[in-house]
């Protein structure tokens, strides 16, 4: 069975592509985006598989 770890992060609207590409390069998959505390930001929910014991993830 796959084990997952989760992460939430602010996503600035004017830099969303760069932010999402950076998280994707680290293995995070975007699951959901919700409105942030102001009109210029969103909150992204991400997940990625937990590596088996003994393996380091980037």
Protein backbone atom coordinates (compact mmCIF):
# COMPACT_ATOMS: atom_id res chain seq x y z
CA UNK A 1 0.00 0.00 0.00
CA UNK A 2 1.27 3.48 -0.88
CA UNK A 3 1.86 5.80 2.06
CA UNK A 4 1.49 9.54 1.45
CA UNK A 5 2.79 12.72 3.00
CA UNK A 6 0.92 16.00 2.62
CA UNK A 7 1.90 19.64 2.41
CA UNK A 8 0.02 22.94 2.22
CA UNK A 9 1.56 26.09 0.80
CA UNK A 10 0.56 29.59 -0.28
CA UNK A 11 0.54 30.17 -4.03
CA UNK A 12 0.93 33.76 -5.19
CA UNK A 13 -1.30 34.37 -8.21
CA UNK A 14 1.34 36.32 -10.15
CA UNK A 15 3.94 33.53 -9.67
CA UNK A 16 1.74 30.43 -9.70
CA UNK A 17 3.42 28.60 -12.58
CA UNK A 18 6.91 28.98 -11.12
CA UNK A 19 5.75 27.94 -7.64
CA UNK A 20 3.88 24.88 -8.91
CA UNK A 21 6.80 23.82 -11.13
CA UNK A 22 9.17 24.05 -8.15
CA UNK A 23 6.94 21.85 -5.99
CA UNK A 24 6.46 19.42 -8.89
CA UNK A 25 10.23 19.13 -9.32
CA UNK A 26 10.40 18.04 -5.69
CA UNK A 27 7.84 15.30 -6.32
CA UNK A 28 4.75 17.06 -4.94
CA UNK A 29 1.46 16.54 -6.79
CA UNK A 30 -1.13 19.31 -6.57
CA UNK A 31 -4.37 17.92 -5.15
CA UNK A 32 -6.50 21.03 -4.59
CA UNK A 33 -6.38 24.81 -4.67
CA UNK A 34 -8.58 26.98 -2.45
CA UNK A 35 -8.84 30.76 -2.03
CA UNK A 36 -6.20 32.26 0.24
CA UNK A 37 -6.48 34.98 2.86
CA UNK A 38 -6.35 37.73 0.20
CA UNK A 39 -7.14 38.06 -3.53
CA UNK A 40 -3.47 37.78 -4.51
CA UNK A 41 -2.94 34.33 -3.01
CA UNK A 42 -4.29 30.82 -3.08
CA UNK A 43 -3.56 27.83 -0.86
CA UNK A 44 -2.39 24.65 -2.53
CA UNK A 45 -2.71 21.17 -1.05
CA UNK A 46 -0.05 18.73 -2.25
CA UNK A 47 0.82 15.07 -1.74
CA UNK A 48 3.68 12.72 -2.62
CA UNK A 49 4.45 9.10 -1.84
CA UNK A 50 6.55 8.42 1.24
CA UNK A 51 9.70 6.60 0.13
CA UNK A 52 10.33 3.13 1.54
CA UNK A 53 12.51 3.06 4.67
CA UNK A 54 16.15 3.67 3.86
CA UNK A 55 15.51 5.75 0.73
CA UNK A 56 15.88 9.52 0.84
CA UNK A 57 13.51 11.72 -1.15
CA UNK A 58 14.81 14.91 -2.70
